[in-house]
Amino acid sequence: MVQKGLLLRLEAKPGKEAELDNFLKEGLAFVLEEPATISWYALQFGPSTFGIFDSFPDDQGRQAHITGALAQVLIAKIPDLLAVPPSVEKVDILVAKQP
C-alpha cells in the first residue's frame, strides 16, 4: 500500500526542453533499482514545464528515493537544465487504485 508521495515541478531553461525530456525518460532506469519506489511518473504539463510524481509505502522509502542516484544526478544538472530550482512537495496519499 502506498502512503507517501513526492510531486516535483521542473521548468526547463529555454532551449533545454528536449534535454530535460530525455533526462526524465532515462531516469526510469535509476528508479527501477529502488525497491521502495512503488510508482514513478515523468510528466509534461506544457512546452517547458515537466514534473515527476512518485509513491512509496512509507517515509523511509521516500527518503531513500530523495537521497538516491536519480536525485543526485538531477541536483547536478539543475544549473544546466532548469530555469528555476525545482518545486518539491512531500504529499500524503489518502487513497490509491493500483494494479
N, C-alpha and C. Protein backbone atom coordinates (compact mmCIF):
# COMPACT_ATOMS: atom_id res chain seq x y z
N MET A 1 0.84 -1.19 0.00
CA MET A 1 0.00 0.00 0.00
C MET A 1 0.88 1.25 0.00
N VAL A 2 0.50 2.22 -0.77
CA VAL A 2 1.26 3.48 -0.81
C VAL A 2 0.65 4.47 0.16
N GLN A 3 1.51 5.18 0.85
CA GLN A 3 1.06 6.18 1.81
C GLN A 3 1.73 7.53 1.62
N LYS A 4 2.89 7.54 0.98
CA LYS A 4 3.66 8.77 0.83
C LYS A 4 3.98 9.01 -0.63
N GLY A 5 4.15 10.28 -0.99
CA GLY A 5 4.48 10.61 -2.37
C GLY A 5 5.35 11.84 -2.45
N LEU A 6 5.83 12.08 -3.66
CA LEU A 6 6.58 13.29 -3.99
C LEU A 6 6.02 13.85 -5.29
N LEU A 7 5.88 15.16 -5.35
CA LEU A 7 5.46 15.83 -6.57
C LEU A 7 6.46 16.94 -6.86
N LEU A 8 7.10 16.85 -8.01
CA LEU A 8 8.09 17.86 -8.43
C LEU A 8 7.60 18.55 -9.68
N ARG A 9 7.84 19.85 -9.76
CA ARG A 9 7.63 20.61 -10.99
C ARG A 9 9.00 21.12 -11.43
N LEU A 10 9.27 20.94 -12.72
CA LEU A 10 10.56 21.29 -13.28
C LEU A 10 10.35 22.20 -14.48
N GLU A 11 10.94 23.37 -14.46
CA GLU A 11 10.81 24.34 -15.56
C GLU A 11 12.12 24.38 -16.32
N ALA A 12 12.08 23.91 -17.57
CA ALA A 12 13.29 23.85 -18.39
C ALA A 12 13.74 25.25 -18.80
N LYS A 13 15.05 25.41 -18.88
CA LYS A 13 15.60 26.63 -19.47
C LYS A 13 15.20 26.67 -20.94
N PRO A 14 15.05 27.87 -21.51
CA PRO A 14 14.76 27.95 -22.95
C PRO A 14 15.81 27.19 -23.76
N GLY A 15 15.32 26.37 -24.66
CA GLY A 15 16.20 25.56 -25.49
C GLY A 15 16.64 24.25 -24.86
N LYS A 16 16.28 24.00 -23.59
CA LYS A 16 16.68 22.78 -22.89
C LYS A 16 15.52 21.80 -22.71
N GLU A 17 14.39 22.09 -23.34
CA GLU A 17 13.20 21.26 -23.16
C GLU A 17 13.44 19.81 -23.59
N ALA A 18 14.01 19.60 -24.75
CA ALA A 18 14.25 18.24 -25.24
C ALA A 18 15.26 17.51 -24.36
N GLU A 19 16.24 18.23 -23.87
CA GLU A 19 17.25 17.61 -23.00
C GLU A 19 16.63 17.18 -21.67
N LEU A 20 15.75 18.02 -21.12
CA LEU A 20 15.07 17.65 -19.87
C LEU A 20 14.13 16.47 -20.12
N ASP A 21 13.41 16.50 -21.22
CA ASP A 21 12.53 15.38 -21.60
C ASP A 21 13.33 14.08 -21.64
N ASN A 22 14.46 14.09 -22.29
CA ASN A 22 15.31 12.91 -22.41
C ASN A 22 15.85 12.48 -21.05
N PHE A 23 16.27 13.43 -20.23
CA PHE A 23 16.77 13.12 -18.90
C PHE A 23 15.71 12.37 -18.09
N LEU A 24 14.47 12.85 -18.15
CA LEU A 24 13.40 12.20 -17.40
C LEU A 24 13.16 10.79 -17.91
N LYS A 25 13.16 10.61 -19.21
CA LYS A 25 12.95 9.27 -19.77
C LYS A 25 14.07 8.32 -19.35
N GLU A 26 15.29 8.80 -19.34
CA GLU A 26 16.42 7.98 -18.90
C GLU A 26 16.38 7.72 -17.39
N GLY A 27 15.68 8.58 -16.65
CA GLY A 27 15.60 8.43 -15.20
C GLY A 27 14.92 7.16 -14.75
N LEU A 28 14.08 6.60 -15.61
CA LEU A 28 13.39 5.37 -15.24
C LEU A 28 14.37 4.26 -14.86
N ALA A 29 15.48 4.17 -15.55
CA ALA A 29 16.47 3.13 -15.25
C ALA A 29 16.97 3.23 -13.81
N PHE A 30 17.14 4.44 -13.30
CA PHE A 30 17.58 4.63 -11.91
C PHE A 30 16.50 4.15 -10.94
N VAL A 31 15.26 4.52 -11.22
CA VAL A 31 14.16 4.24 -10.31
C VAL A 31 13.83 2.75 -10.26
N LEU A 32 14.05 2.05 -11.35
CA LEU A 32 13.80 0.61 -11.36
C LEU A 32 14.68 -0.12 -10.34
N GLU A 33 15.76 0.50 -9.92
CA GLU A 33 16.66 -0.09 -8.92
C GLU A 33 16.26 0.23 -7.48
N GLU A 34 15.15 0.96 -7.31
CA GLU A 34 14.70 1.37 -5.97
C GLU A 34 13.48 0.53 -5.56
N PRO A 35 13.67 -0.46 -4.72
CA PRO A 35 12.55 -1.33 -4.36
C PRO A 35 11.41 -0.63 -3.64
N ALA A 36 11.68 0.46 -2.95
CA ALA A 36 10.62 1.15 -2.20
C ALA A 36 9.88 2.20 -3.03
N THR A 37 10.31 2.42 -4.28
CA THR A 37 9.56 3.32 -5.15
C THR A 37 8.50 2.48 -5.84
N ILE A 38 7.26 2.64 -5.39
CA ILE A 38 6.15 1.82 -5.88
C ILE A 38 5.73 2.25 -7.28
N SER A 39 5.60 3.56 -7.47
CA SER A 39 5.26 4.08 -8.79
C SER A 39 6.08 5.34 -9.05
N TRP A 40 6.34 5.59 -10.33
CA TRP A 40 7.13 6.75 -10.73
C TRP A 40 6.63 7.21 -12.09
N TYR A 41 6.29 8.47 -12.18
CA TYR A 41 5.76 9.04 -13.42
C TYR A 41 6.55 10.29 -13.78
N ALA A 42 7.02 10.35 -15.01
CA ALA A 42 7.59 11.58 -15.55
C ALA A 42 6.45 12.24 -16.33
N LEU A 43 6.25 13.53 -16.13
CA LEU A 43 5.10 14.25 -16.67
C LEU A 43 5.53 15.45 -17.49
N GLN A 44 4.65 15.87 -18.40
CA GLN A 44 4.85 17.14 -19.09
C GLN A 44 3.55 17.92 -19.01
N PHE A 45 3.63 19.10 -18.38
CA PHE A 45 2.46 19.96 -18.19
C PHE A 45 2.28 20.95 -19.33
N GLY A 46 3.37 21.33 -19.96
CA GLY A 46 3.34 22.31 -21.04
C GLY A 46 4.65 22.25 -21.80
N PRO A 47 4.87 23.17 -22.73
CA PRO A 47 6.07 23.11 -23.58
C PRO A 47 7.39 23.05 -22.81
N SER A 48 7.47 23.76 -21.69
CA SER A 48 8.74 23.78 -20.94
C SER A 48 8.58 23.36 -19.49
N THR A 49 7.38 22.94 -19.11
CA THR A 49 7.10 22.56 -17.73
C THR A 49 6.91 21.06 -17.62
N PHE A 50 7.75 20.44 -16.81
CA PHE A 50 7.74 19.00 -16.63
C PHE A 50 7.53 18.68 -15.15
N GLY A 51 7.39 17.42 -14.85
CA GLY A 51 7.22 17.04 -13.46
C GLY A 51 7.53 15.58 -13.23
N ILE A 52 7.54 15.23 -11.96
CA ILE A 52 7.70 13.85 -11.53
C ILE A 52 6.72 13.63 -10.39
N PHE A 53 6.02 12.50 -10.45
CA PHE A 53 5.22 12.07 -9.30
C PHE A 53 5.63 10.64 -8.99
N ASP A 54 5.89 10.37 -7.73
CA ASP A 54 6.22 9.01 -7.34
C ASP A 54 5.58 8.70 -5.99
N SER A 55 5.45 7.40 -5.73
CA SER A 55 4.79 6.98 -4.48
C SER A 55 5.61 5.91 -3.79
N PHE A 56 5.40 5.84 -2.46
CA PHE A 56 6.21 4.99 -1.60
C PHE A 56 5.33 4.41 -0.49
N PRO A 57 5.75 3.30 0.10
CA PRO A 57 4.95 2.72 1.18
C PRO A 57 5.04 3.51 2.49
N ASP A 58 6.16 4.24 2.67
CA ASP A 58 6.39 4.92 3.93
C ASP A 58 7.44 6.02 3.77
N ASP A 59 7.70 6.71 4.87
CA ASP A 59 8.70 7.79 4.85
C ASP A 59 10.11 7.29 4.53
N GLN A 60 10.44 6.08 5.00
CA GLN A 60 11.77 5.54 4.74
C GLN A 60 11.99 5.34 3.24
N GLY A 61 10.98 4.83 2.54
CA GLY A 61 11.09 4.65 1.10
C GLY A 61 11.23 5.96 0.37
N ARG A 62 10.45 6.95 0.81
CA ARG A 62 10.54 8.28 0.20
C ARG A 62 11.91 8.89 0.43
N GLN A 63 12.43 8.76 1.63
CA GLN A 63 13.74 9.33 1.94
C GLN A 63 14.84 8.62 1.15
N ALA A 64 14.72 7.32 0.96
CA ALA A 64 15.71 6.59 0.17
C ALA A 64 15.71 7.11 -1.27
N HIS A 65 14.54 7.44 -1.80
CA HIS A 65 14.46 7.98 -3.16
C HIS A 65 15.07 9.38 -3.22
N ILE A 66 14.77 10.21 -2.23
CA ILE A 66 15.27 11.59 -2.19
C ILE A 66 16.80 11.62 -2.17
N THR A 67 17.40 10.63 -1.56
CA THR A 67 18.86 10.58 -1.47
C THR A 67 19.47 9.60 -2.49
N GLY A 68 18.65 9.07 -3.39
CA GLY A 68 19.10 8.07 -4.34
C GLY A 68 19.83 8.64 -5.54
N ALA A 69 20.19 7.74 -6.44
CA ALA A 69 21.02 8.08 -7.60
C ALA A 69 20.36 9.10 -8.52
N LEU A 70 19.07 8.92 -8.82
CA LEU A 70 18.41 9.87 -9.73
C LEU A 70 18.39 11.27 -9.15
N ALA A 71 18.10 11.39 -7.87
CA ALA A 71 18.08 12.70 -7.22
C ALA A 71 19.46 13.36 -7.30
N GLN A 72 20.50 12.58 -7.10
CA GLN A 72 21.86 13.14 -7.14
C GLN A 72 22.21 13.64 -8.54
N VAL A 73 21.80 12.89 -9.56
CA VAL A 73 22.06 13.31 -10.94
C VAL A 73 21.26 14.57 -11.26
N LEU A 74 19.99 14.61 -10.82
CA LEU A 74 19.16 15.80 -11.07
C LEU A 74 19.76 17.02 -10.39
N ILE A 75 20.19 16.89 -9.17
CA ILE A 75 20.80 18.02 -8.45
C ILE A 75 22.00 18.55 -9.22
N ALA A 76 22.80 17.66 -9.77
CA ALA A 76 23.97 18.09 -10.54
C ALA A 76 23.59 18.81 -11.83
N LYS A 77 22.44 18.45 -12.41
CA LYS A 77 22.03 19.02 -13.69
C LYS A 77 21.17 20.28 -13.56
N ILE A 78 20.73 20.61 -12.36
CA ILE A 78 19.86 21.77 -12.17
C ILE A 78 20.41 23.04 -12.82
N PRO A 79 21.66 23.41 -12.60
CA PRO A 79 22.14 24.66 -13.19
C PRO A 79 22.09 24.67 -14.73
N ASP A 80 22.26 23.53 -15.35
CA ASP A 80 22.28 23.46 -16.81
C ASP A 80 20.88 23.34 -17.42
N LEU A 81 19.98 22.60 -16.78
CA LEU A 81 18.69 22.29 -17.39
C LEU A 81 17.52 23.15 -16.94
N LEU A 82 17.53 23.60 -15.69
CA LEU A 82 16.33 24.22 -15.12
C LEU A 82 16.45 25.75 -15.03
N ALA A 83 15.33 26.40 -15.35
CA ALA A 83 15.26 27.86 -15.27
C ALA A 83 15.18 28.35 -13.83
N VAL A 84 14.55 27.55 -12.98
CA VAL A 84 14.41 27.86 -11.55
C VAL A 84 14.59 26.56 -10.78
N PRO A 85 14.90 26.63 -9.49
CA PRO A 85 15.01 25.39 -8.72
C PRO A 85 13.68 24.63 -8.77
N PRO A 86 13.75 23.31 -8.70
CA PRO A 86 12.51 22.53 -8.78
C PRO A 86 11.62 22.78 -7.56
N SER A 87 10.32 22.72 -7.80
CA SER A 87 9.36 22.75 -6.71
C SER A 87 9.19 21.30 -6.25
N VAL A 88 9.42 21.04 -4.97
CA VAL A 88 9.33 19.69 -4.43
C VAL A 88 8.33 19.69 -3.28
N GLU A 89 7.31 18.84 -3.42
CA GLU A 89 6.29 18.74 -2.37
C GLU A 89 6.19 17.30 -1.89
N LYS A 90 6.34 17.12 -0.59
CA LYS A 90 6.06 15.82 0.01
C LYS A 90 4.55 15.76 0.23
N VAL A 91 3.93 14.68 -0.21
CA VAL A 91 2.48 14.54 -0.07
C VAL A 91 2.13 13.24 0.64
N ASP A 92 0.98 13.24 1.29
CA ASP A 92 0.41 12.03 1.86
C ASP A 92 -0.66 11.54 0.91
N ILE A 93 -0.64 10.26 0.61
CA ILE A 93 -1.63 9.68 -0.29
C ILE A 93 -2.79 9.17 0.53
N LEU A 94 -3.97 9.68 0.26
CA LEU A 94 -5.16 9.31 1.04
C LEU A 94 -5.75 7.98 0.58
N VAL A 95 -5.80 7.79 -0.73
CA VAL A 95 -6.35 6.56 -1.29
C VAL A 95 -5.75 6.36 -2.68
N ALA A 96 -5.59 5.13 -3.09
CA ALA A 96 -5.00 4.85 -4.40
C ALA A 96 -5.61 3.60 -4.99
N LYS A 97 -5.67 3.56 -6.29
CA LYS A 97 -6.06 2.35 -7.02
C LYS A 97 -4.81 1.87 -7.74
N GLN A 98 -4.42 0.66 -7.46
CA GLN A 98 -3.22 0.10 -8.05
C GLN A 98 -3.55 -1.25 -8.66
N PRO A 99 -2.74 -1.66 -9.64
CA PRO A 99 -2.99 -2.98 -10.24
C PRO A 99 -2.76 -4.10 -9.23
